[in-house]
Amino acid sequence: MSAMELGVIAVAAVVGYLLVNAVMSAGKGKGNEKASGAEADRVLGVQADATPEEVRAAYQRLSSRYAPEQLALLDDATRVHAQNEARWLESSYREAMRRRGATP
């Protein structure tokens, strides 16, 4: 491969990463923002009439993606993104449980 081809591949990889990161982050809260009720249910993948046990099971299934041993192999930027996703997931879980009158 020529240097030109390698340069194009590198630029495409960076642009692809930024594009995927932007799409995955669209509509997500930042920092300490809380998920709305409907948004919390959507993030967790549960129906509005789901029981607290169903919400808890959905949260546990999804949060396993963000376990420290899963994140250890990621590069710094991806790890930070995953940590933000985990915070958003936890915020959604707390809101969904609050709406159902249950303790997280």
PDB file of N, CA and C in Angstrom:
ATOM      1  N   MET A   1       0.829  -1.179   0.000  1.00  0.00           N
ATOM      2  CA  MET A   1       0.000   0.000   0.000  1.00  0.00           C
ATOM      3  C   MET A   1       0.872   1.240   0.000  1.00  0.00           C
ATOM      4  N   SER A   2       0.377   2.225  -0.697  1.00  0.00           N
ATOM      5  CA  SER A   2       1.136   3.484  -0.754  1.00  0.00           C
ATOM      6  C   SER A   2       0.817   4.348   0.463  1.00  0.00           C
ATOM      7  N   ALA A   3       1.619   5.357   0.672  1.00  0.00           N
ATOM      8  CA  ALA A   3       1.410   6.281   1.787  1.00  0.00           C
ATOM      9  C   ALA A   3       0.085   7.014   1.632  1.00  0.00           C
ATOM     10  N   MET A   4      -0.288   7.307   0.391  1.00  0.00           N
ATOM     11  CA  MET A   4      -1.554   7.992   0.126  1.00  0.00           C
ATOM     12  C   MET A   4      -2.731   7.114   0.556  1.00  0.00           C
ATOM     13  N   GLU A   5      -2.687   5.845   0.220  1.00  0.00           N
ATOM     14  CA  GLU A   5      -3.762   4.920   0.604  1.00  0.00           C
ATOM     15  C   GLU A   5      -3.848   4.783   2.126  1.00  0.00           C
ATOM     16  N   LEU A   6      -2.713   4.702   2.794  1.00  0.00           N
ATOM     17  CA  LEU A   6      -2.708   4.614   4.253  1.00  0.00           C
ATOM     18  C   LEU A   6      -3.288   5.883   4.880  1.00  0.00           C
ATOM     19  N   GLY A   7      -2.971   7.026   4.307  1.00  0.00           N
ATOM     20  CA  GLY A   7      -3.503   8.291   4.803  1.00  0.00           C
ATOM     21  C   GLY A   7      -5.019   8.355   4.650  1.00  0.00           C
ATOM     22  N   VAL A   8      -5.517   7.904   3.511  1.00  0.00           N
ATOM     23  CA  VAL A   8      -6.963   7.902   3.283  1.00  0.00           C
ATOM     24  C   VAL A   8      -7.651   6.962   4.266  1.00  0.00           C
ATOM     25  N   ILE A   9      -7.068   5.808   4.507  1.00  0.00           N
ATOM     26  CA  ILE A   9      -7.637   4.845   5.459  1.00  0.00           C
ATOM     27  C   ILE A   9      -7.669   5.444   6.861  1.00  0.00           C
ATOM     28  N   ALA A  10      -6.605   6.116   7.261  1.00  0.00           N
ATOM     29  CA  ALA A  10      -6.541   6.717   8.593  1.00  0.00           C
ATOM     30  C   ALA A  10      -7.602   7.806   8.751  1.00  0.00           C
ATOM     31  N   VAL A  11      -7.738   8.657   7.742  1.00  0.00           N
ATOM     32  CA  VAL A  11      -8.736   9.723   7.804  1.00  0.00           C
ATOM     33  C   VAL A  11     -10.139   9.119   7.839  1.00  0.00           C
ATOM     34  N   ALA A  12     -10.389   8.106   7.031  1.00  0.00           N
ATOM     35  CA  ALA A  12     -11.699   7.454   7.015  1.00  0.00           C
ATOM     36  C   ALA A  12     -12.014   6.817   8.368  1.00  0.00           C
ATOM     37  N   ALA A  13     -11.021   6.234   9.013  1.00  0.00           N
ATOM     38  CA  ALA A  13     -11.232   5.616  10.321  1.00  0.00           C
ATOM     39  C   ALA A  13     -11.614   6.666  11.363  1.00  0.00           C
ATOM     40  N   VAL A  14     -10.929   7.792  11.351  1.00  0.00           N
ATOM     41  CA  VAL A  14     -11.224   8.861  12.310  1.00  0.00           C
ATOM     42  C   VAL A  14     -12.617   9.432  12.052  1.00  0.00           C
ATOM     43  N   VAL A  15     -12.934   9.712  10.803  1.00  0.00           N
ATOM     44  CA  VAL A  15     -14.256  10.248  10.460  1.00  0.00           C
ATOM     45  C   VAL A  15     -15.339   9.238  10.824  1.00  0.00           C
ATOM     46  N   GLY A  16     -15.110   7.974  10.556  1.00  0.00           N
ATOM     47  CA  GLY A  16     -16.072   6.929  10.907  1.00  0.00           C
ATOM     48  C   GLY A  16     -16.296   6.851  12.403  1.00  0.00           C
ATOM     49  N   TYR A  17     -15.228   6.913  13.165  1.00  0.00           N
ATOM     50  CA  TYR A  17     -15.345   6.882  14.626  1.00  0.00           C
ATOM     51  C   TYR A  17     -16.170   8.064  15.125  1.00  0.00           C
ATOM     52  N   LEU A  18     -15.863   9.256  14.643  1.00  0.00           N
ATOM     53  CA  LEU A  18     -16.590  10.451  15.075  1.00  0.00           C
ATOM     54  C   LEU A  18     -18.058  10.388  14.677  1.00  0.00           C
ATOM     55  N   LEU A  19     -18.344   9.876  13.503  1.00  0.00           N
ATOM     56  CA  LEU A  19     -19.722   9.756  13.047  1.00  0.00           C
ATOM     57  C   LEU A  19     -20.509   8.765  13.906  1.00  0.00           C
ATOM     58  N   VAL A  20     -19.945   7.606  14.169  1.00  0.00           N
ATOM     59  CA  VAL A  20     -20.611   6.611  15.008  1.00  0.00           C
ATOM     60  C   VAL A  20     -20.803   7.146  16.419  1.00  0.00           C
ATOM     61  N   ASN A  21     -19.813   7.809  16.954  1.00  0.00           N
ATOM     62  CA  ASN A  21     -19.903   8.389  18.292  1.00  0.00           C
ATOM     63  C   ASN A  21     -21.030   9.426  18.348  1.00  0.00           C
ATOM     64  N   ALA A  22     -21.150  10.256  17.334  1.00  0.00           N
ATOM     65  CA  ALA A  22     -22.199  11.275  17.298  1.00  0.00           C
ATOM     66  C   ALA A  22     -23.577  10.640  17.201  1.00  0.00           C
ATOM     67  N   VAL A  23     -23.722   9.623  16.378  1.00  0.00           N
ATOM     68  CA  VAL A  23     -25.016   8.951  16.218  1.00  0.00           C
ATOM     69  C   VAL A  23     -25.410   8.253  17.512  1.00  0.00           C
ATOM     70  N   MET A  24     -24.479   7.586  18.157  1.00  0.00           N
ATOM     71  CA  MET A  24     -24.790   6.872  19.391  1.00  0.00           C
ATOM     72  C   MET A  24     -25.113   7.829  20.528  1.00  0.00           C
ATOM     73  N   SER A  25     -24.584   9.032  20.496  1.00  0.00           N
ATOM     74  CA  SER A  25     -24.802   9.998  21.569  1.00  0.00           C
ATOM     75  C   SER A  25     -26.022  10.877  21.334  1.00  0.00           C
ATOM     76  N   ALA A  26     -26.604  10.817  20.149  1.00  0.00           N
ATOM     77  CA  ALA A  26     -27.737  11.688  19.824  1.00  0.00           C
ATOM     78  C   ALA A  26     -28.890  11.461  20.786  1.00  0.00           C
ATOM     79  N   GLY A  27     -29.395  12.541  21.336  1.00  0.00           N
ATOM     80  CA  GLY A  27     -30.548  12.468  22.219  1.00  0.00           C
ATOM     81  C   GLY A  27     -30.234  12.032  23.635  1.00  0.00           C
ATOM     82  N   LYS A  28     -29.008  11.796  23.947  1.00  0.00           N
ATOM     83  CA  LYS A  28     -28.655  11.355  25.295  1.00  0.00           C
ATOM     84  C   LYS A  28     -28.347  12.550  26.165  1.00  0.00           C
ATOM     85  N   GLY A  29     -28.594  12.404  27.448  1.00  0.00           N
ATOM     86  CA  GLY A  29     -28.317  13.463  28.411  1.00  0.00           C
ATOM     87  C   GLY A  29     -26.828  13.607  28.630  1.00  0.00           C
ATOM     88  N   LYS A  30     -26.478  14.738  29.165  1.00  0.00           N
ATOM     89  CA  LYS A  30     -25.072  14.988  29.472  1.00  0.00           C
ATOM     90  C   LYS A  30     -24.954  15.261  30.948  1.00  0.00           C
ATOM     91  N   GLY A  31     -23.878  14.840  31.519  1.00  0.00           N
ATOM     92  CA  GLY A  31     -23.622  15.124  32.914  1.00  0.00           C
ATOM     93  C   GLY A  31     -24.656  14.522  33.842  1.00  0.00           C
ATOM     94  N   ASN A  32     -25.275  15.392  34.653  1.00  0.00           N
ATOM     95  CA  ASN A  32     -26.200  14.929  35.668  1.00  0.00           C
ATOM     96  C   ASN A  32     -27.661  15.068  35.247  1.00  0.00           C
ATOM     97  N   GLU A  33     -27.938  15.267  33.964  1.00  0.00           N
ATOM     98  CA  GLU A  33     -29.313  15.365  33.525  1.00  0.00           C
ATOM     99  C   GLU A  33     -30.025  14.050  33.787  1.00  0.00           C
ATOM    100  N   LYS A  34     -31.329  14.148  34.024  1.00  0.00           N
ATOM    101  CA  LYS A  34     -32.125  12.957  34.293  1.00  0.00           C
ATOM    102  C   LYS A  34     -32.939  12.600  33.066  1.00  0.00           C
ATOM    103  N   ALA A  35     -33.179  11.324  32.909  1.00  0.00           N
ATOM    104  CA  ALA A  35     -34.020  10.856  31.823  1.00  0.00           C
ATOM    105  C   ALA A  35     -35.475  11.121  32.180  1.00  0.00           C
ATOM    106  N   SER A  36     -36.290  11.472  31.177  1.00  0.00           N
ATOM    107  CA  SER A  36     -37.722  11.604  31.420  1.00  0.00           C
ATOM    108  C   SER A  36     -38.309  10.208  31.571  1.00  0.00           C
ATOM    109  N   GLY A  37     -39.538  10.128  32.002  1.00  0.00           N
ATOM    110  CA  GLY A  37     -40.167   8.832  32.232  1.00  0.00           C
ATOM    111  C   GLY A  37     -40.183   7.945  30.998  1.00  0.00           C
ATOM    112  N   ALA A  38     -40.710   8.476  29.885  1.00  0.00           N
ATOM    113  CA  ALA A  38     -40.791   7.687  28.663  1.00  0.00           C
ATOM    114  C   ALA A  38     -39.398   7.359  28.131  1.00  0.00           C
ATOM    115  N   GLU A  39     -38.480   8.312  28.243  1.00  0.00           N
ATOM    116  CA  GLU A  39     -37.100   8.093  27.778  1.00  0.00           C
ATOM    117  C   GLU A  39     -36.430   7.008  28.607  1.00  0.00           C
ATOM    118  N   ALA A  40     -36.675   7.019  29.916  1.00  0.00           N
ATOM    119  CA  ALA A  40     -36.084   6.006  30.795  1.00  0.00           C
ATOM    120  C   ALA A  40     -36.554   4.614  30.389  1.00  0.00           C
ATOM    121  N   ASP A  41     -37.840   4.476  30.127  1.00  0.00           N
ATOM    122  CA  ASP A  41     -38.362   3.170  29.707  1.00  0.00           C
ATOM    123  C   ASP A  41     -37.766   2.746  28.367  1.00  0.00           C
ATOM    124  N   ARG A  42     -37.609   3.715  27.445  1.00  0.00           N
ATOM    125  CA  ARG A  42     -37.039   3.395  26.135  1.00  0.00           C
ATOM    126  C   ARG A  42     -35.592   2.943  26.261  1.00  0.00           C
ATOM    127  N   VAL A  43     -34.817   3.666  27.070  1.00  0.00           N
ATOM    128  CA  VAL A  43     -33.407   3.312  27.261  1.00  0.00           C
ATOM    129  C   VAL A  43     -33.284   1.899  27.818  1.00  0.00           C
ATOM    130  N   LEU A  44     -34.149   1.563  28.763  1.00  0.00           N
ATOM    131  CA  LEU A  44     -34.099   0.238  29.385  1.00  0.00           C
ATOM    132  C   LEU A  44     -34.759  -0.835  28.526  1.00  0.00           C
ATOM    133  N   GLY A  45     -35.544  -0.420  27.544  1.00  0.00           N
ATOM    134  CA  GLY A  45     -36.205  -1.380  26.673  1.00  0.00           C
ATOM    135  C   GLY A  45     -37.387  -2.071  27.336  1.00  0.00           C
ATOM    136  N   VAL A  46     -38.103  -1.332  28.199  1.00  0.00           N
ATOM    137  CA  VAL A  46     -39.272  -1.902  28.878  1.00  0.00           C
ATOM    138  C   VAL A  46     -40.514  -1.111  28.501  1.00  0.00           C
ATOM    139  N   GLN A  47     -41.675  -1.738  28.672  1.00  0.00           N
ATOM    140  CA  GLN A  47     -42.955  -1.083  28.425  1.00  0.00           C
ATOM    141  C   GLN A  47     -43.292  -0.165  29.596  1.00  0.00           C
ATOM    142  N   ALA A  48     -44.201   0.765  29.377  1.00  0.00           N
ATOM    143  CA  ALA A  48     -44.606   1.697  30.423  1.00  0.00           C
ATOM    144  C   ALA A  48     -45.253   0.976  31.604  1.00  0.00           C
ATOM    145  N   ASP A  49     -45.846  -0.180  31.346  1.00  0.00           N
ATOM    146  CA  ASP A  49     -46.514  -0.921  32.422  1.00  0.00           C
ATOM    147  C   ASP A  49     -45.637  -2.042  33.005  1.00  0.00           C
ATOM    148  N   ALA A  50     -44.353  -1.996  32.753  1.00  0.00           N
ATOM    149  CA  ALA A  50     -43.444  -3.029  33.265  1.00  0.00           C
ATOM    150  C   ALA A  50     -43.378  -2.967  34.790  1.00  0.00           C
ATOM    151  N   THR A  51     -43.211  -4.115  35.394  1.00  0.00           N
ATOM    152  CA  THR A  51     -43.098  -4.191  36.849  1.00  0.00           C
ATOM    153  C   THR A  51     -41.689  -3.775  37.275  1.00  0.00           C
ATOM    154  N   PRO A  52     -41.516  -3.408  38.558  1.00  0.00           N
ATOM    155  CA  PRO A  52     -40.165  -3.087  39.034  1.00  0.00           C
ATOM    156  C   PRO A  52     -39.183  -4.247  38.819  1.00  0.00           C
ATOM    157  N   GLU A  53     -39.652  -5.471  38.926  1.00  0.00           N
ATOM    158  CA  GLU A  53     -38.769  -6.630  38.709  1.00  0.00           C
ATOM    159  C   GLU A  53     -38.309  -6.689  37.257  1.00  0.00           C
ATOM    160  N   GLU A  54     -39.201  -6.376  36.321  1.00  0.00           N
ATOM    161  CA  GLU A  54     -38.830  -6.366  34.902  1.00  0.00           C
ATOM    162  C   GLU A  54     -37.835  -5.235  34.616  1.00  0.00           C
ATOM    163  N   VAL A  55     -38.039  -4.094  35.244  1.00  0.00           N
ATOM    164  CA  VAL A  55     -37.120  -2.963  35.068  1.00  0.00           C
ATOM    165  C   VAL A  55     -35.747  -3.331  35.621  1.00  0.00           C
ATOM    166  N   ARG A  56     -35.717  -3.927  36.802  1.00  0.00           N
ATOM    167  CA  ARG A  56     -34.454  -4.325  37.426  1.00  0.00           C
ATOM    168  C   ARG A  56     -33.711  -5.342  36.541  1.00  0.00           C
ATOM    169  N   ALA A  57     -34.443  -6.316  36.005  1.00  0.00           N
ATOM    170  CA  ALA A  57     -33.815  -7.328  35.144  1.00  0.00           C
ATOM    171  C   ALA A  57     -33.243  -6.690  33.878  1.00  0.00           C
ATOM    172  N   ALA A  58     -33.980  -5.746  33.290  1.00  0.00           N
ATOM    173  CA  ALA A  58     -33.494  -5.064  32.087  1.00  0.00           C
ATOM    174  C   ALA A  58     -32.236  -4.262  32.401  1.00  0.00           C
ATOM    175  N   TYR A  59     -32.234  -3.566  33.539  1.00  0.00           N
ATOM    176  CA  TYR A  59     -31.064  -2.781  33.946  1.00  0.00           C
ATOM    177  C   TYR A  59     -29.848  -3.692  34.153  1.00  0.00           C
ATOM    178  N   GLN A  60     -30.030  -4.795  34.838  1.00  0.00           N
ATOM    179  CA  GLN A  60     -28.905  -5.697  35.101  1.00  0.00           C
ATOM    180  C   GLN A  60     -28.348  -6.269  33.801  1.00  0.00           C
ATOM    181  N   ARG A  61     -29.245  -6.602  32.869  1.00  0.00           N
ATOM    182  CA  ARG A  61     -28.806  -7.146  31.585  1.00  0.00           C
ATOM    183  C   ARG A  61     -27.995  -6.102  30.820  1.00  0.00           C
ATOM    184  N   LEU A  62     -28.487  -4.867  30.774  1.00  0.00           N
ATOM    185  CA  LEU A  62     -27.801  -3.817  30.026  1.00  0.00           C
ATOM    186  C   LEU A  62     -26.531  -3.333  30.716  1.00  0.00           C
ATOM    187  N   SER A  63     -26.552  -3.248  32.034  1.00  0.00           N
ATOM    188  CA  SER A  63     -25.387  -2.723  32.746  1.00  0.00           C
ATOM    189  C   SER A  63     -24.196  -3.673  32.693  1.00  0.00           C
ATOM    190  N   SER A  64     -24.434  -4.942  32.403  1.00  0.00           N
ATOM    191  CA  SER A  64     -23.311  -5.878  32.303  1.00  0.00           C
ATOM    192  C   SER A  64     -22.366  -5.493  31.164  1.00  0.00           C
ATOM    193  N   ARG A  65     -22.862  -4.723  30.206  1.00  0.00           N
ATOM    194  CA  ARG A  65     -22.013  -4.241  29.097  1.00  0.00           C
ATOM    195  C   ARG A  65     -20.930  -3.275  29.584  1.00  0.00           C
ATOM    196  N   TYR A  66     -21.210  -2.627  30.714  1.00  0.00           N
ATOM    197  CA  TYR A  66     -20.316  -1.579  31.199  1.00  0.00           C
ATOM    198  C   TYR A  66     -19.539  -1.994  32.435  1.00  0.00           C
ATOM    199  N   ALA A  67     -19.401  -3.284  32.653  1.00  0.00           N
ATOM    200  CA  ALA A  67     -18.623  -3.784  33.784  1.00  0.00           C
ATOM    201  C   ALA A  67     -17.154  -3.378  33.596  1.00  0.00           C
ATOM    202  N   PRO A  68     -16.447  -3.104  34.698  1.00  0.00           N
ATOM    203  CA  PRO A  68     -15.048  -2.652  34.579  1.00  0.00           C
ATOM    204  C   PRO A  68     -14.174  -3.586  33.742  1.00  0.00           C
ATOM    205  N   GLU A  69     -14.379  -4.878  33.867  1.00  0.00           N
ATOM    206  CA  GLU A  69     -13.545  -5.795  33.078  1.00  0.00           C
ATOM    207  C   GLU A  69     -13.871  -5.711  31.587  1.00  0.00           C
ATOM    208  N   GLN A  70     -15.076  -5.287  31.240  1.00  0.00           N
ATOM    209  CA  GLN A  70     -15.428  -5.082  29.839  1.00  0.00           C
ATOM    210  C   GLN A  70     -14.761  -3.817  29.294  1.00  0.00           C
ATOM    211  N   LEU A  71     -14.650  -2.802  30.139  1.00  0.00           N
ATOM    212  CA  LEU A  71     -14.104  -1.520  29.702  1.00  0.00           C
ATOM    213  C   LEU A  71     -12.583  -1.484  29.702  1.00  0.00           C
ATOM    214  N   ALA A  72     -11.947  -2.396  30.407  1.00  0.00           N
ATOM    215  CA  ALA A  72     -10.492  -2.369  30.564  1.00  0.00           C
ATOM    216  C   ALA A  72      -9.750  -2.472  29.234  1.00  0.00           C
ATOM    217  N   LEU A  73     -10.331  -3.126  28.257  1.00  0.00           N
ATOM    218  CA  LEU A  73      -9.650  -3.351  26.986  1.00  0.00           C
ATOM    219  C   LEU A  73      -9.862  -2.222  25.982  1.00  0.00           C
ATOM    220  N   LEU A  74     -10.685  -1.232  26.331  1.00  0.00           N
ATOM    221  CA  LEU A  74     -11.010  -0.164  25.397  1.00  0.00           C
ATOM    222  C   LEU A  74      -9.982   0.969  25.455  1.00  0.00           C
ATOM    223  N   ASP A  75      -9.896   1.701  24.347  1.00  0.00           N
ATOM    224  CA  ASP A  75      -9.028   2.877  24.355  1.00  0.00           C
ATOM    225  C   ASP A  75      -9.694   3.966  25.198  1.00  0.00           C
ATOM    226  N   ASP A  76      -8.962   5.003  25.540  1.00  0.00           N
ATOM    227  CA  ASP A  76      -9.439   6.032  26.470  1.00  0.00           C
ATOM    228  C   ASP A  76     -10.724   6.706  26.012  1.00  0.00           C
ATOM    229  N   ALA A  77     -10.793   7.108  24.760  1.00  0.00           N
ATOM    230  CA  ALA A  77     -11.980   7.820  24.269  1.00  0.00           C
ATOM    231  C   ALA A  77     -13.219   6.932  24.321  1.00  0.00           C
ATOM    232  N   THR A  78     -13.076   5.691  23.918  1.00  0.00           N
ATOM    233  CA  THR A  78     -14.205   4.767  23.940  1.00  0.00           C
ATOM    234  C   THR A  78     -14.609   4.450  25.371  1.00  0.00           C
ATOM    235  N   ARG A  79     -13.640   4.344  26.260  1.00  0.00           N
ATOM    236  CA  ARG A  79     -13.935   4.068  27.672  1.00  0.00           C
ATOM    237  C   ARG A  79     -14.731   5.212  28.286  1.00  0.00           C
ATOM    238  N   VAL A  80     -14.348   6.450  27.991  1.00  0.00           N
ATOM    239  CA  VAL A  80     -15.069   7.611  28.507  1.00  0.00           C
ATOM    240  C   VAL A  80     -16.502   7.612  27.973  1.00  0.00           C
ATOM    241  N   HIS A  81     -16.659   7.313  26.704  1.00  0.00           N
ATOM    242  CA  HIS A  81     -18.001   7.246  26.112  1.00  0.00           C
ATOM    243  C   HIS A  81     -18.830   6.157  26.806  1.00  0.00           C
ATOM    244  N   ALA A  82     -18.246   5.011  27.034  1.00  0.00           N
ATOM    245  CA  ALA A  82     -18.955   3.908  27.696  1.00  0.00           C
ATOM    246  C   ALA A  82     -19.315   4.277  29.138  1.00  0.00           C
ATOM    247  N   GLN A  83     -18.452   4.988  29.814  1.00  0.00           N
ATOM    248  CA  GLN A  83     -18.756   5.416  31.187  1.00  0.00           C
ATOM    249  C   GLN A  83     -19.923   6.406  31.195  1.00  0.00           C
ATOM    250  N   ASN A  84     -19.980   7.286  30.207  1.00  0.00           N
ATOM    251  CA  ASN A  84     -21.114   8.202  30.090  1.00  0.00           C
ATOM    252  C   ASN A  84     -22.399   7.438  29.802  1.00  0.00           C
ATOM    253  N   GLU A  85     -22.304   6.438  28.953  1.00  0.00           N
ATOM    254  CA  GLU A  85     -23.467   5.597  28.660  1.00  0.00           C
ATOM    255  C   GLU A  85     -23.950   4.888  29.926  1.00  0.00           C
ATOM    256  N   ALA A  86     -23.024   4.411  30.732  1.00  0.00           N
ATOM    257  CA  ALA A  86     -23.378   3.711  31.973  1.00  0.00           C
ATOM    258  C   ALA A  86     -24.077   4.659  32.935  1.00  0.00           C
ATOM    259  N   ARG A  87     -23.602   5.900  33.014  1.00  0.00           N
ATOM    260  CA  ARG A  87     -24.263   6.886  33.885  1.00  0.00           C
ATOM    261  C   ARG A  87     -25.679   7.176  33.399  1.00  0.00           C
ATOM    262  N   TRP A  88     -25.844   7.286  32.087  1.00  0.00           N
ATOM    263  CA  TRP A  88     -27.158   7.542  31.512  1.00  0.00           C
ATOM    264  C   TRP A  88     -28.088   6.352  31.779  1.00  0.00           C
ATOM    265  N   LEU A  89     -27.566   5.153  31.662  1.00  0.00           N
ATOM    266  CA  LEU A  89     -28.355   3.952  31.938  1.00  0.00           C
ATOM    267  C   LEU A  89     -28.794   3.931  33.401  1.00  0.00           C
ATOM    268  N   GLU A  90     -27.888   4.259  34.308  1.00  0.00           N
ATOM    269  CA  GLU A  90     -28.235   4.273  35.730  1.00  0.00           C
ATOM    270  C   GLU A  90     -29.271   5.349  36.034  1.00  0.00           C
ATOM    271  N   SER A  91     -29.142   6.511  35.424  1.00  0.00           N
ATOM    272  CA  SER A  91     -30.123   7.570  35.605  1.00  0.00           C
ATOM    273  C   SER A  91     -31.495   7.117  35.108  1.00  0.00           C
ATOM    274  N   SER A  92     -31.517   6.444  33.986  1.00  0.00           N
ATOM    275  CA  SER A  92     -32.770   5.921  33.433  1.00  0.00           C
ATOM    276  C   SER A  92     -33.381   4.888  34.364  1.00  0.00           C
ATOM    277  N   TYR A  93     -32.553   4.021  34.911  1.00  0.00           N
ATOM    278  CA  TYR A  93     -33.027   2.996  35.839  1.00  0.00           C
ATOM    279  C   TYR A  93     -33.647   3.643  37.079  1.00  0.00           C
ATOM    280  N   ARG A  94     -32.955   4.614  37.650  1.00  0.00           N
ATOM    281  CA  ARG A  94     -33.480   5.275  38.852  1.00  0.00           C
ATOM    282  C   ARG A  94     -34.806   5.976  38.571  1.00  0.00           C
ATOM    283  N   GLU A  95     -34.911   6.639  37.423  1.00  0.00           N
ATOM    284  CA  GLU A  95     -36.153   7.318  37.058  1.00  0.00           C
ATOM    285  C   GLU A  95     -37.282   6.306  36.834  1.00  0.00           C
ATOM    286  N   ALA A  96     -37.006   5.224  36.139  1.00  0.00           N
ATOM    287  CA  ALA A  96     -38.028   4.210  35.884  1.00  0.00           C
ATOM    288  C   ALA A  96     -38.512   3.595  37.195  1.00  0.00           C
ATOM    289  N   MET A  97     -37.606   3.339  38.113  1.00  0.00           N
ATOM    290  CA  MET A  97     -38.000   2.763  39.393  1.00  0.00           C
ATOM    291  C   MET A  97     -38.759   3.793  40.232  1.00  0.00           C
ATOM    292  N   ARG A  98     -38.344   5.057  40.194  1.00  0.00           N
ATOM    293  CA  ARG A  98     -39.041   6.107  40.922  1.00  0.00           C
ATOM    294  C   ARG A  98     -40.483   6.228  40.437  1.00  0.00           C
ATOM    295  N   ARG A  99     -40.683   6.181  39.129  1.00  0.00           N
ATOM    296  CA  ARG A  99     -42.033   6.273  38.571  1.00  0.00           C
ATOM    297  C   ARG A  99     -42.912   5.102  38.981  1.00  0.00           C
ATOM    298  N   ARG A 100     -42.318   3.998  39.296  1.00  0.00           N
ATOM    299  CA  ARG A 100     -43.073   2.808  39.705  1.00  0.00           C
ATOM    300  C   ARG A 100     -43.203   2.711  41.229  1.00  0.00           C
ATOM    301  N   GLY A 101     -42.669   3.693  41.923  1.00  0.00           N
ATOM    302  CA  GLY A 101     -42.757   3.709  43.374  1.00  0.00           C
ATOM    303  C   GLY A 101     -41.884   2.668  44.040  1.00  0.00           C
ATOM    304  N   ALA A 102     -40.817   2.258  43.378  1.00  0.00           N
ATOM    305  CA  ALA A 102     -39.917   1.226  43.918  1.00  0.00           C
ATOM    306  C   ALA A 102     -38.556   1.837  44.215  1.00  0.00           C
ATOM    307  N   THR A 103     -37.805   1.171  45.046  1.00  0.00           N
ATOM    308  CA  THR A 103     -36.464   1.612  45.396  1.00  0.00           C
ATOM    309  C   THR A 103     -35.466   0.939  44.461  1.00  0.00           C
ATOM    310  N   PRO A 104     -34.568   1.729  43.848  1.00  0.00           N
ATOM    311  CA  PRO A 104     -33.565   1.107  42.967  1.00  0.00           C
ATOM    312  C   PRO A 104     -32.596   0.215  43.694  1.00  0.00           C
TER     313      PRO A 104
END
